[in-house]
Amino acid sequence: MQIPPNIPKKIESSRLTLRAPRRDDAFLIYDAVKTSLPELSKWMPWANENYSFEGCRENTEAAIKSFDAKENLRFHVFERETGDFVVSTGLHPCAGDSKIAWDVPKVEIGYWCHSHKAGHGFVTEAVRRLTRMAFENLEVARVQIRCDDKNIASYRVAESCGFTLEGILKNDERTISGELRDTRVYAMTDLRQLRLKLST
Protein backbone atom coordinates (compact mmCIF):
# COMPACT_ATOMS: atom_id res chain seq x y z
CA MET A 1 0.00 0.00 0.00
CA GLN A 2 1.16 3.51 -0.79
CA ILE A 3 1.20 6.21 1.86
CA PRO A 4 -2.28 7.83 1.92
CA PRO A 5 -2.08 11.12 -0.01
CA ASN A 6 -4.47 12.95 2.29
CA ILE A 7 -4.31 12.40 6.02
CA PRO A 8 -6.89 14.44 7.94
CA LYS A 9 -5.30 17.03 10.22
CA LYS A 10 -8.55 17.57 12.05
CA ILE A 11 -11.40 15.24 12.98
CA GLU A 12 -14.26 15.57 15.45
CA SER A 13 -16.39 13.39 17.67
CA SER A 14 -19.47 14.30 19.67
CA ARG A 15 -17.49 16.12 22.39
CA LEU A 16 -13.98 16.42 21.04
CA THR A 17 -11.82 17.97 18.35
CA LEU A 18 -8.70 16.01 17.42
CA ARG A 19 -6.10 17.90 15.39
CA ALA A 20 -2.48 17.78 14.34
CA PRO A 21 0.01 19.56 16.65
CA ARG A 22 0.87 23.22 16.27
CA ARG A 23 3.88 25.13 17.59
CA ASP A 24 1.91 27.10 20.15
CA ASP A 25 0.53 23.85 21.59
CA ALA A 26 3.79 23.52 23.51
CA PHE A 27 2.46 25.88 26.19
CA LEU A 28 -0.67 23.79 26.69
CA ILE A 29 1.19 20.48 26.67
CA TYR A 30 3.83 21.67 29.12
CA ASP A 31 1.22 22.91 31.57
CA ALA A 32 -0.81 19.68 31.26
CA VAL A 33 2.22 17.46 31.80
CA LYS A 34 3.48 19.42 34.83
CA THR A 35 0.00 19.35 36.33
CA SER A 36 -0.39 15.63 35.64
CA LEU A 37 3.10 14.48 36.68
CA PRO A 38 1.93 12.44 39.70
CA GLU A 39 -0.22 10.29 37.40
CA LEU A 40 1.92 10.28 34.24
CA SER A 41 5.21 9.55 36.00
CA LYS A 42 3.94 6.07 36.93
CA TRP A 43 3.85 4.99 33.28
CA MET A 44 5.63 7.51 31.05
CA PRO A 45 9.46 7.56 31.27
CA TRP A 46 9.60 11.10 29.85
CA ALA A 47 7.23 12.47 32.51
CA ASN A 48 9.63 13.22 35.34
CA GLU A 49 11.00 16.10 37.41
CA ASN A 50 13.41 16.98 34.58
CA TYR A 51 10.59 17.67 32.12
CA SER A 52 11.20 21.16 30.72
CA PHE A 53 9.42 23.63 28.49
CA GLU A 54 12.36 23.64 26.09
CA GLY A 55 12.14 19.86 25.78
CA CYS A 56 8.39 20.09 25.28
CA ARG A 57 8.83 22.73 22.58
CA GLU A 58 11.40 20.61 20.74
CA ASN A 59 9.17 17.55 21.02
CA THR A 60 6.23 19.48 19.60
CA GLU A 61 8.34 20.70 16.68
CA ALA A 62 9.43 17.10 16.02
CA ALA A 63 5.81 15.93 16.15
CA ILE A 64 4.83 18.52 13.53
CA LYS A 65 7.61 17.37 11.20
CA SER A 66 6.77 13.70 11.71
CA PHE A 67 3.11 14.37 10.97
CA ASP A 68 3.92 16.27 7.79
CA ALA A 69 6.24 13.43 6.73
CA LYS A 70 3.43 10.92 7.51
CA GLU A 71 5.78 8.94 9.74
CA ASN A 72 4.07 9.47 13.11
CA LEU A 73 0.65 11.09 13.47
CA ARG A 74 0.18 12.78 16.83
CA PHE A 75 -3.17 14.39 17.60
CA HIS A 76 -3.90 16.90 20.35
CA VAL A 77 -7.44 16.62 21.62
CA PHE A 78 -9.65 19.46 22.82
CA GLU A 79 -13.06 19.58 24.43
CA ARG A 80 -15.37 21.19 21.89
CA GLU A 81 -17.54 22.92 24.49
CA THR A 82 -14.72 24.63 26.39
CA GLY A 83 -11.72 24.48 24.04
CA ASP A 84 -9.68 22.93 26.85
CA PHE A 85 -6.83 20.54 26.05
CA VAL A 86 -7.76 17.09 27.38
CA VAL A 87 -5.78 14.29 25.70
CA SER A 88 -2.66 13.62 23.66
CA THR A 89 -2.97 10.61 21.39
CA GLY A 90 -2.10 9.56 17.86
CA LEU A 91 -1.44 6.91 15.25
CA HIS A 92 2.15 5.96 15.92
CA PRO A 93 4.67 3.44 14.56
CA CYS A 94 4.20 0.01 16.11
CA ALA A 95 6.77 -1.16 18.62
CA GLY A 96 10.05 -1.87 16.84
CA ASP A 97 9.28 0.42 13.89
CA SER A 98 10.90 3.83 13.43
CA LYS A 99 7.98 5.12 11.37
CA ILE A 100 4.48 3.98 10.43
CA ALA A 101 4.62 0.80 8.36
CA TRP A 102 2.43 1.88 5.46
CA ASP A 103 3.40 -1.25 3.53
CA VAL A 104 1.29 -3.41 5.90
CA PRO A 105 -0.29 -0.94 6.88
CA LYS A 106 -0.43 -0.89 10.68
CA VAL A 107 -0.38 1.70 13.46
CA GLU A 108 -0.26 1.85 17.23
CA ILE A 109 -2.40 4.14 19.37
CA GLY A 110 -0.93 5.70 22.48
CA TYR A 111 -2.59 8.17 24.83
CA TRP A 112 -2.40 10.18 28.00
CA CYS A 113 -4.92 12.45 29.65
CA HIS A 114 -4.73 15.76 31.48
CA SER A 115 -5.32 14.72 35.10
CA HIS A 116 -7.92 17.46 35.58
CA LYS A 117 -9.95 15.95 32.73
CA ALA A 118 -9.71 12.29 33.72
CA GLY A 119 -12.81 10.26 34.44
CA HIS A 120 -15.04 11.75 31.74
CA GLY A 121 -14.44 9.17 29.01
CA PHE A 122 -12.44 11.57 26.84
CA VAL A 123 -9.61 9.10 26.16
CA THR A 124 -12.04 6.35 25.16
CA GLU A 125 -13.95 8.70 22.87
CA ALA A 126 -10.73 9.93 21.26
CA VAL A 127 -9.45 6.39 20.70
CA ARG A 128 -12.72 5.29 19.13
CA ARG A 129 -12.73 8.24 16.75
CA LEU A 130 -9.07 7.83 15.85
CA THR A 131 -9.53 4.11 15.26
CA ARG A 132 -12.46 4.75 12.93
CA MET A 133 -10.42 7.30 11.00
CA ALA A 134 -7.51 4.85 10.70
CA PHE A 135 -9.71 2.19 9.09
CA GLU A 136 -12.02 4.41 7.04
CA ASN A 137 -9.65 7.12 5.81
CA LEU A 138 -6.24 5.44 5.92
CA GLU A 139 -7.39 1.87 5.20
CA VAL A 140 -5.06 0.32 7.75
CA ALA A 141 -5.08 -3.43 8.29
CA ARG A 142 -4.20 -3.33 11.98
CA VAL A 143 -4.46 -0.95 14.93
CA GLN A 144 -2.79 -1.97 18.15
CA ILE A 145 -2.50 -0.72 21.72
CA ARG A 146 0.29 -1.72 24.10
CA CYS A 147 0.38 -0.95 27.80
CA ASP A 148 1.83 -2.03 31.12
CA ASP A 149 -0.10 -5.00 32.52
CA LYS A 150 -0.58 -3.02 35.74
CA ASN A 151 -1.96 0.07 34.00
CA ILE A 152 -5.61 -0.78 34.54
CA ALA A 153 -7.00 2.53 33.28
CA SER A 154 -5.08 2.20 30.01
CA TYR A 155 -6.13 -1.34 29.16
CA ARG A 156 -9.74 -0.66 30.13
CA VAL A 157 -9.79 1.93 27.34
CA ALA A 158 -8.65 -0.70 24.83
CA GLU A 159 -11.20 -3.21 26.05
CA SER A 160 -14.10 -0.74 26.13
CA CYS A 161 -13.35 0.16 22.50
CA GLY A 162 -13.50 -3.48 21.42
CA PHE A 163 -9.80 -4.25 20.98
CA THR A 164 -8.86 -7.91 21.36
CA LEU A 165 -6.19 -8.92 23.86
CA GLU A 166 -3.71 -10.89 21.74
CA GLY A 167 -1.36 -11.70 24.58
CA ILE A 168 0.65 -10.58 27.57
CA LEU A 169 4.39 -10.39 26.94
CA LYS A 170 6.15 -11.48 30.10
CA ASN A 171 9.22 -9.53 31.24
CA ASP A 172 8.96 -7.49 28.04
CA GLU A 173 10.35 -4.18 29.27
CA ARG A 174 11.54 -2.43 32.40
CA THR A 175 9.52 0.03 34.43
CA ILE A 176 10.74 3.52 35.24
CA SER A 177 12.10 2.17 38.53
CA GLY A 178 14.02 -0.55 36.66
CA GLU A 179 11.80 -3.53 37.47
CA LEU A 180 10.75 -6.00 34.78
CA ARG A 181 7.22 -5.47 33.54
CA ASP A 182 4.67 -7.40 31.50
CA THR A 183 3.12 -5.76 28.43
CA ARG A 184 -0.44 -6.23 27.24
CA VAL A 185 -0.91 -6.22 23.46
CA TYR A 186 -4.35 -5.41 22.09
CA ALA A 187 -5.29 -5.22 18.43
CA MET A 188 -8.14 -4.53 16.05
CA THR A 189 -8.08 -5.74 12.45
CA ASP A 190 -11.65 -5.00 11.44
CA LEU A 191 -13.65 -1.85 12.08
CA ARG A 192 -16.64 -4.02 12.97
CA GLN A 193 -14.88 -4.79 16.25
CA LEU A 194 -15.17 -1.15 17.31
CA ARG A 195 -17.66 -0.59 20.11
CA LEU A 196 -19.61 2.62 19.75
CA LYS A 197 -20.85 3.12 23.30
CA LEU A 198 -20.39 6.85 22.87
CA SER A 199 -21.32 8.74 19.75
CA THR A 200 -18.19 9.26 17.62
C-alpha atoms as a PDB file:
ATOM      1  CA  MET A   1       0.000   0.000   0.000  1.00  0.00           C
ATOM      2  CA  GLN A   2       1.165   3.509  -0.785  1.00  0.00           C
ATOM      3  CA  ILE A   3       1.199   6.214   1.862  1.00  0.00           C
ATOM      4  CA  PRO A   4      -2.275   7.826   1.921  1.00  0.00           C
ATOM      5  CA  PRO A   5      -2.081  11.116  -0.014  1.00  0.00           C
ATOM      6  CA  ASN A   6      -4.471  12.946   2.292  1.00  0.00           C
ATOM      7  CA  ILE A   7      -4.314  12.396   6.022  1.00  0.00           C
ATOM      8  CA  PRO A   8      -6.892  14.442   7.938  1.00  0.00           C
ATOM      9  CA  LYS A   9      -5.298  17.033  10.218  1.00  0.00           C
ATOM     10  CA  LYS A  10      -8.554  17.573  12.049  1.00  0.00           C
ATOM     11  CA  ILE A  11     -11.400  15.238  12.983  1.00  0.00           C
ATOM     12  CA  GLU A  12     -14.260  15.569  15.447  1.00  0.00           C
ATOM     13  CA  SER A  13     -16.385  13.386  17.673  1.00  0.00           C
ATOM     14  CA  SER A  14     -19.470  14.296  19.672  1.00  0.00           C
ATOM     15  CA  ARG A  15     -17.495  16.119  22.392  1.00  0.00           C
ATOM     16  CA  LEU A  16     -13.983  16.421  21.036  1.00  0.00           C
ATOM     17  CA  THR A  17     -11.818  17.973  18.352  1.00  0.00           C
ATOM     18  CA  LEU A  18      -8.699  16.013  17.425  1.00  0.00           C
ATOM     19  CA  ARG A  19      -6.102  17.895  15.392  1.00  0.00           C
ATOM     20  CA  ALA A  20      -2.483  17.777  14.341  1.00  0.00           C
ATOM     21  CA  PRO A  21       0.008  19.557  16.650  1.00  0.00           C
ATOM     22  CA  ARG A  22       0.871  23.225  16.272  1.00  0.00           C
ATOM     23  CA  ARG A  23       3.878  25.134  17.593  1.00  0.00           C
ATOM     24  CA  ASP A  24       1.912  27.102  20.153  1.00  0.00           C
ATOM     25  CA  ASP A  25       0.526  23.853  21.592  1.00  0.00           C
ATOM     26  CA  ALA A  26       3.788  23.519  23.510  1.00  0.00           C
ATOM     27  CA  PHE A  27       2.464  25.883  26.186  1.00  0.00           C
ATOM     28  CA  LEU A  28      -0.670  23.786  26.685  1.00  0.00           C
ATOM     29  CA  ILE A  29       1.190  20.484  26.666  1.00  0.00           C
ATOM     30  CA  TYR A  30       3.831  21.667  29.115  1.00  0.00           C
ATOM     31  CA  ASP A  31       1.216  22.914  31.566  1.00  0.00           C
ATOM     32  CA  ALA A  32      -0.809  19.685  31.262  1.00  0.00           C
ATOM     33  CA  VAL A  33       2.224  17.459  31.801  1.00  0.00           C
ATOM     34  CA  LYS A  34       3.477  19.417  34.827  1.00  0.00           C
ATOM     35  CA  THR A  35      -0.005  19.347  36.334  1.00  0.00           C
ATOM     36  CA  SER A  36      -0.388  15.628  35.639  1.00  0.00           C
ATOM     37  CA  LEU A  37       3.099  14.476  36.676  1.00  0.00           C
ATOM     38  CA  PRO A  38       1.929  12.440  39.700  1.00  0.00           C
ATOM     39  CA  GLU A  39      -0.221  10.290  37.405  1.00  0.00           C
ATOM     40  CA  LEU A  40       1.916  10.282  34.241  1.00  0.00           C
ATOM     41  CA  SER A  41       5.208   9.546  35.998  1.00  0.00           C
ATOM     42  CA  LYS A  42       3.942   6.071  36.928  1.00  0.00           C
ATOM     43  CA  TRP A  43       3.846   4.995  33.285  1.00  0.00           C
ATOM     44  CA  MET A  44       5.635   7.508  31.047  1.00  0.00           C
ATOM     45  CA  PRO A  45       9.462   7.563  31.266  1.00  0.00           C
ATOM     46  CA  TRP A  46       9.600  11.105  29.848  1.00  0.00           C
ATOM     47  CA  ALA A  47       7.229  12.468  32.508  1.00  0.00           C
ATOM     48  CA  ASN A  48       9.634  13.223  35.345  1.00  0.00           C
ATOM     49  CA  GLU A  49      10.999  16.095  37.407  1.00  0.00           C
ATOM     50  CA  ASN A  50      13.408  16.982  34.575  1.00  0.00           C
ATOM     51  CA  TYR A  51      10.591  17.671  32.119  1.00  0.00           C
ATOM     52  CA  SER A  52      11.198  21.164  30.719  1.00  0.00           C
ATOM     53  CA  PHE A  53       9.419  23.634  28.494  1.00  0.00           C
ATOM     54  CA  GLU A  54      12.359  23.636  26.090  1.00  0.00           C
ATOM     55  CA  GLY A  55      12.141  19.860  25.782  1.00  0.00           C
ATOM     56  CA  CYS A  56       8.395  20.093  25.280  1.00  0.00           C
ATOM     57  CA  ARG A  57       8.833  22.726  22.582  1.00  0.00           C
ATOM     58  CA  GLU A  58      11.403  20.610  20.735  1.00  0.00           C
ATOM     59  CA  ASN A  59       9.171  17.551  21.019  1.00  0.00           C
ATOM     60  CA  THR A  60       6.230  19.484  19.604  1.00  0.00           C
ATOM     61  CA  GLU A  61       8.343  20.695  16.675  1.00  0.00           C
ATOM     62  CA  ALA A  62       9.434  17.103  16.019  1.00  0.00           C
ATOM     63  CA  ALA A  63       5.806  15.931  16.153  1.00  0.00           C
ATOM     64  CA  ILE A  64       4.826  18.516  13.535  1.00  0.00           C
ATOM     65  CA  LYS A  65       7.611  17.368  11.200  1.00  0.00           C
ATOM     66  CA  SER A  66       6.767  13.698  11.710  1.00  0.00           C
ATOM     67  CA  PHE A  67       3.107  14.366  10.966  1.00  0.00           C
ATOM     68  CA  ASP A  68       3.917  16.269   7.790  1.00  0.00           C
ATOM     69  CA  ALA A  69       6.241  13.427   6.731  1.00  0.00           C
ATOM     70  CA  LYS A  70       3.425  10.922   7.508  1.00  0.00           C
ATOM     71  CA  GLU A  71       5.778   8.942   9.736  1.00  0.00           C
ATOM     72  CA  ASN A  72       4.069   9.470  13.111  1.00  0.00           C
ATOM     73  CA  LEU A  73       0.649  11.088  13.468  1.00  0.00           C
ATOM     74  CA  ARG A  74       0.183  12.784  16.832  1.00  0.00           C
ATOM     75  CA  PHE A  75      -3.172  14.388  17.602  1.00  0.00           C
ATOM     76  CA  HIS A  76      -3.902  16.898  20.350  1.00  0.00           C
ATOM     77  CA  VAL A  77      -7.445  16.617  21.622  1.00  0.00           C
ATOM     78  CA  PHE A  78      -9.646  19.462  22.821  1.00  0.00           C
ATOM     79  CA  GLU A  79     -13.055  19.581  24.432  1.00  0.00           C
ATOM     80  CA  ARG A  80     -15.372  21.194  21.890  1.00  0.00           C
ATOM     81  CA  GLU A  81     -17.537  22.923  24.486  1.00  0.00           C
ATOM     82  CA  THR A  82     -14.716  24.628  26.386  1.00  0.00           C
ATOM     83  CA  GLY A  83     -11.717  24.483  24.037  1.00  0.00           C
ATOM     84  CA  ASP A  84      -9.680  22.928  26.855  1.00  0.00           C
ATOM     85  CA  PHE A  85      -6.830  20.539  26.048  1.00  0.00           C
ATOM     86  CA  VAL A  86      -7.762  17.090  27.382  1.00  0.00           C
ATOM     87  CA  VAL A  87      -5.777  14.295  25.698  1.00  0.00           C
ATOM     88  CA  SER A  88      -2.660  13.616  23.659  1.00  0.00           C
ATOM     89  CA  THR A  89      -2.969  10.606  21.390  1.00  0.00           C
ATOM     90  CA  GLY A  90      -2.103   9.563  17.857  1.00  0.00           C
ATOM     91  CA  LEU A  91      -1.440   6.910  15.254  1.00  0.00           C
ATOM     92  CA  HIS A  92       2.154   5.958  15.919  1.00  0.00           C
ATOM     93  CA  PRO A  93       4.675   3.437  14.563  1.00  0.00           C
ATOM     94  CA  CYS A  94       4.200   0.011  16.108  1.00  0.00           C
ATOM     95  CA  ALA A  95       6.775  -1.164  18.617  1.00  0.00           C
ATOM     96  CA  GLY A  96      10.048  -1.869  16.844  1.00  0.00           C
ATOM     97  CA  ASP A  97       9.284   0.419  13.892  1.00  0.00           C
ATOM     98  CA  SER A  98      10.904   3.826  13.427  1.00  0.00           C
ATOM     99  CA  LYS A  99       7.977   5.122  11.373  1.00  0.00           C
ATOM    100  CA  ILE A 100       4.480   3.984  10.428  1.00  0.00           C
ATOM    101  CA  ALA A 101       4.621   0.802   8.362  1.00  0.00           C
ATOM    102  CA  TRP A 102       2.434   1.877   5.462  1.00  0.00           C
ATOM    103  CA  ASP A 103       3.397  -1.247   3.530  1.00  0.00           C
ATOM    104  CA  VAL A 104       1.294  -3.406   5.897  1.00  0.00           C
ATOM    105  CA  PRO A 105      -0.291  -0.937   6.878  1.00  0.00           C
ATOM    106  CA  LYS A 106      -0.433  -0.894  10.681  1.00  0.00           C
ATOM    107  CA  VAL A 107      -0.380   1.697  13.456  1.00  0.00           C
ATOM    108  CA  GLU A 108      -0.257   1.849  17.232  1.00  0.00           C
ATOM    109  CA  ILE A 109      -2.397   4.144  19.367  1.00  0.00           C
ATOM    110  CA  GLY A 110      -0.933   5.699  22.481  1.00  0.00           C
ATOM    111  CA  TYR A 111      -2.587   8.168  24.827  1.00  0.00           C
ATOM    112  CA  TRP A 112      -2.395  10.180  28.000  1.00  0.00           C
ATOM    113  CA  CYS A 113      -4.924  12.449  29.647  1.00  0.00           C
ATOM    114  CA  HIS A 114      -4.731  15.763  31.481  1.00  0.00           C
ATOM    115  CA  SER A 115      -5.315  14.717  35.104  1.00  0.00           C
ATOM    116  CA  HIS A 116      -7.917  17.461  35.580  1.00  0.00           C
ATOM    117  CA  LYS A 117      -9.952  15.951  32.727  1.00  0.00           C
ATOM    118  CA  ALA A 118      -9.705  12.295  33.724  1.00  0.00           C
ATOM    119  CA  GLY A 119     -12.814  10.263  34.439  1.00  0.00           C
ATOM    120  CA  HIS A 120     -15.036  11.751  31.745  1.00  0.00           C
ATOM    121  CA  GLY A 121     -14.437   9.170  29.011  1.00  0.00           C
ATOM    122  CA  PHE A 122     -12.440  11.573  26.838  1.00  0.00           C
ATOM    123  CA  VAL A 123      -9.607   9.097  26.160  1.00  0.00           C
ATOM    124  CA  THR A 124     -12.038   6.353  25.162  1.00  0.00           C
ATOM    125  CA  GLU A 125     -13.953   8.702  22.870  1.00  0.00           C
ATOM    126  CA  ALA A 126     -10.731   9.933  21.256  1.00  0.00           C
ATOM    127  CA  VAL A 127      -9.446   6.387  20.703  1.00  0.00           C
ATOM    128  CA  ARG A 128     -12.721   5.294  19.126  1.00  0.00           C
ATOM    129  CA  ARG A 129     -12.732   8.242  16.746  1.00  0.00           C
ATOM    130  CA  LEU A 130      -9.067   7.832  15.851  1.00  0.00           C
ATOM    131  CA  THR A 131      -9.530   4.112  15.255  1.00  0.00           C
ATOM    132  CA  ARG A 132     -12.460   4.754  12.934  1.00  0.00           C
ATOM    133  CA  MET A 133     -10.415   7.297  11.000  1.00  0.00           C
ATOM    134  CA  ALA A 134      -7.513   4.845  10.698  1.00  0.00           C
ATOM    135  CA  PHE A 135      -9.706   2.192   9.090  1.00  0.00           C
ATOM    136  CA  GLU A 136     -12.019   4.408   7.036  1.00  0.00           C
ATOM    137  CA  ASN A 137      -9.648   7.117   5.813  1.00  0.00           C
ATOM    138  CA  LEU A 138      -6.236   5.441   5.919  1.00  0.00           C
ATOM    139  CA  GLU A 139      -7.393   1.870   5.195  1.00  0.00           C
ATOM    140  CA  VAL A 140      -5.058   0.315   7.748  1.00  0.00           C
ATOM    141  CA  ALA A 141      -5.077  -3.430   8.295  1.00  0.00           C
ATOM    142  CA  ARG A 142      -4.195  -3.334  11.982  1.00  0.00           C
ATOM    143  CA  VAL A 143      -4.458  -0.948  14.932  1.00  0.00           C
ATOM    144  CA  GLN A 144      -2.789  -1.972  18.149  1.00  0.00           C
ATOM    145  CA  ILE A 145      -2.500  -0.715  21.716  1.00  0.00           C
ATOM    146  CA  ARG A 146       0.286  -1.725  24.096  1.00  0.00           C
ATOM    147  CA  CYS A 147       0.380  -0.950  27.800  1.00  0.00           C
ATOM    148  CA  ASP A 148       1.825  -2.029  31.115  1.00  0.00           C
ATOM    149  CA  ASP A 149      -0.100  -4.999  32.521  1.00  0.00           C
ATOM    150  CA  LYS A 150      -0.579  -3.019  35.742  1.00  0.00           C
ATOM    151  CA  ASN A 151      -1.963   0.073  34.000  1.00  0.00           C
ATOM    152  CA  ILE A 152      -5.609  -0.778  34.538  1.00  0.00           C
ATOM    153  CA  ALA A 153      -6.996   2.535  33.279  1.00  0.00           C
ATOM    154  CA  SER A 154      -5.081   2.196  30.014  1.00  0.00           C
ATOM    155  CA  TYR A 155      -6.126  -1.335  29.164  1.00  0.00           C
ATOM    156  CA  ARG A 156      -9.737  -0.659  30.126  1.00  0.00           C
ATOM    157  CA  VAL A 157      -9.788   1.930  27.336  1.00  0.00           C
ATOM    158  CA  ALA A 158      -8.646  -0.697  24.834  1.00  0.00           C
ATOM    159  CA  GLU A 159     -11.202  -3.214  26.051  1.00  0.00           C
ATOM    160  CA  SER A 160     -14.095  -0.743  26.131  1.00  0.00           C
ATOM    161  CA  CYS A 161     -13.349   0.158  22.502  1.00  0.00           C
ATOM    162  CA  GLY A 162     -13.500  -3.478  21.418  1.00  0.00           C
ATOM    163  CA  PHE A 163      -9.803  -4.249  20.977  1.00  0.00           C
ATOM    164  CA  THR A 164      -8.855  -7.912  21.364  1.00  0.00           C
ATOM    165  CA  LEU A 165      -6.188  -8.923  23.860  1.00  0.00           C
ATOM    166  CA  GLU A 166      -3.708 -10.886  21.735  1.00  0.00           C
ATOM    167  CA  GLY A 167      -1.365 -11.703  24.581  1.00  0.00           C
ATOM    168  CA  ILE A 168       0.655 -10.579  27.568  1.00  0.00           C
ATOM    169  CA  LEU A 169       4.388 -10.386  26.938  1.00  0.00           C
ATOM    170  CA  LYS A 170       6.152 -11.483  30.098  1.00  0.00           C
ATOM    171  CA  ASN A 171       9.219  -9.530  31.236  1.00  0.00           C
ATOM    172  CA  ASP A 172       8.962  -7.490  28.040  1.00  0.00           C
ATOM    173  CA  GLU A 173      10.352  -4.178  29.265  1.00  0.00           C
ATOM    174  CA  ARG A 174      11.536  -2.429  32.400  1.00  0.00           C
ATOM    175  CA  THR A 175       9.522   0.033  34.431  1.00  0.00           C
ATOM    176  CA  ILE A 176      10.736   3.523  35.243  1.00  0.00           C
ATOM    177  CA  SER A 177      12.101   2.167  38.526  1.00  0.00           C
ATOM    178  CA  GLY A 178      14.018  -0.550  36.665  1.00  0.00           C
ATOM    179  CA  GLU A 179      11.798  -3.532  37.472  1.00  0.00           C
ATOM    180  CA  LEU A 180      10.751  -5.999  34.785  1.00  0.00           C
ATOM    181  CA  ARG A 181       7.219  -5.472  33.535  1.00  0.00           C
ATOM    182  CA  ASP A 182       4.675  -7.397  31.498  1.00  0.00           C
ATOM    183  CA  THR A 183       3.121  -5.756  28.433  1.00  0.00           C
ATOM    184  CA  ARG A 184      -0.444  -6.230  27.236  1.00  0.00           C
ATOM    185  CA  VAL A 185      -0.909  -6.223  23.458  1.00  0.00           C
ATOM    186  CA  TYR A 186      -4.345  -5.406  22.087  1.00  0.00           C
ATOM    187  CA  ALA A 187      -5.289  -5.225  18.425  1.00  0.00           C
ATOM    188  CA  MET A 188      -8.135  -4.530  16.053  1.00  0.00           C
ATOM    189  CA  THR A 189      -8.080  -5.737  12.453  1.00  0.00           C
ATOM    190  CA  ASP A 190     -11.654  -5.004  11.435  1.00  0.00           C
ATOM    191  CA  LEU A 191     -13.650  -1.855  12.083  1.00  0.00           C
ATOM    192  CA  ARG A 192     -16.643  -4.018  12.967  1.00  0.00           C
ATOM    193  CA  GLN A 193     -14.881  -4.791  16.250  1.00  0.00           C
ATOM    194  CA  LEU A 194     -15.173  -1.152  17.310  1.00  0.00           C
ATOM    195  CA  ARG A 195     -17.659  -0.588  20.110  1.00  0.00           C
ATOM    196  CA  LEU A 196     -19.610   2.620  19.753  1.00  0.00           C
ATOM    197  CA  LYS A 197     -20.853   3.116  23.295  1.00  0.00           C
ATOM    198  CA  LEU A 198     -20.389   6.853  22.872  1.00  0.00           C
ATOM    199  CA  SER A 199     -21.323   8.744  19.754  1.00  0.00           C
ATOM    200  CA  THR A 200     -18.194   9.264  17.623  1.00  0.00           C
END
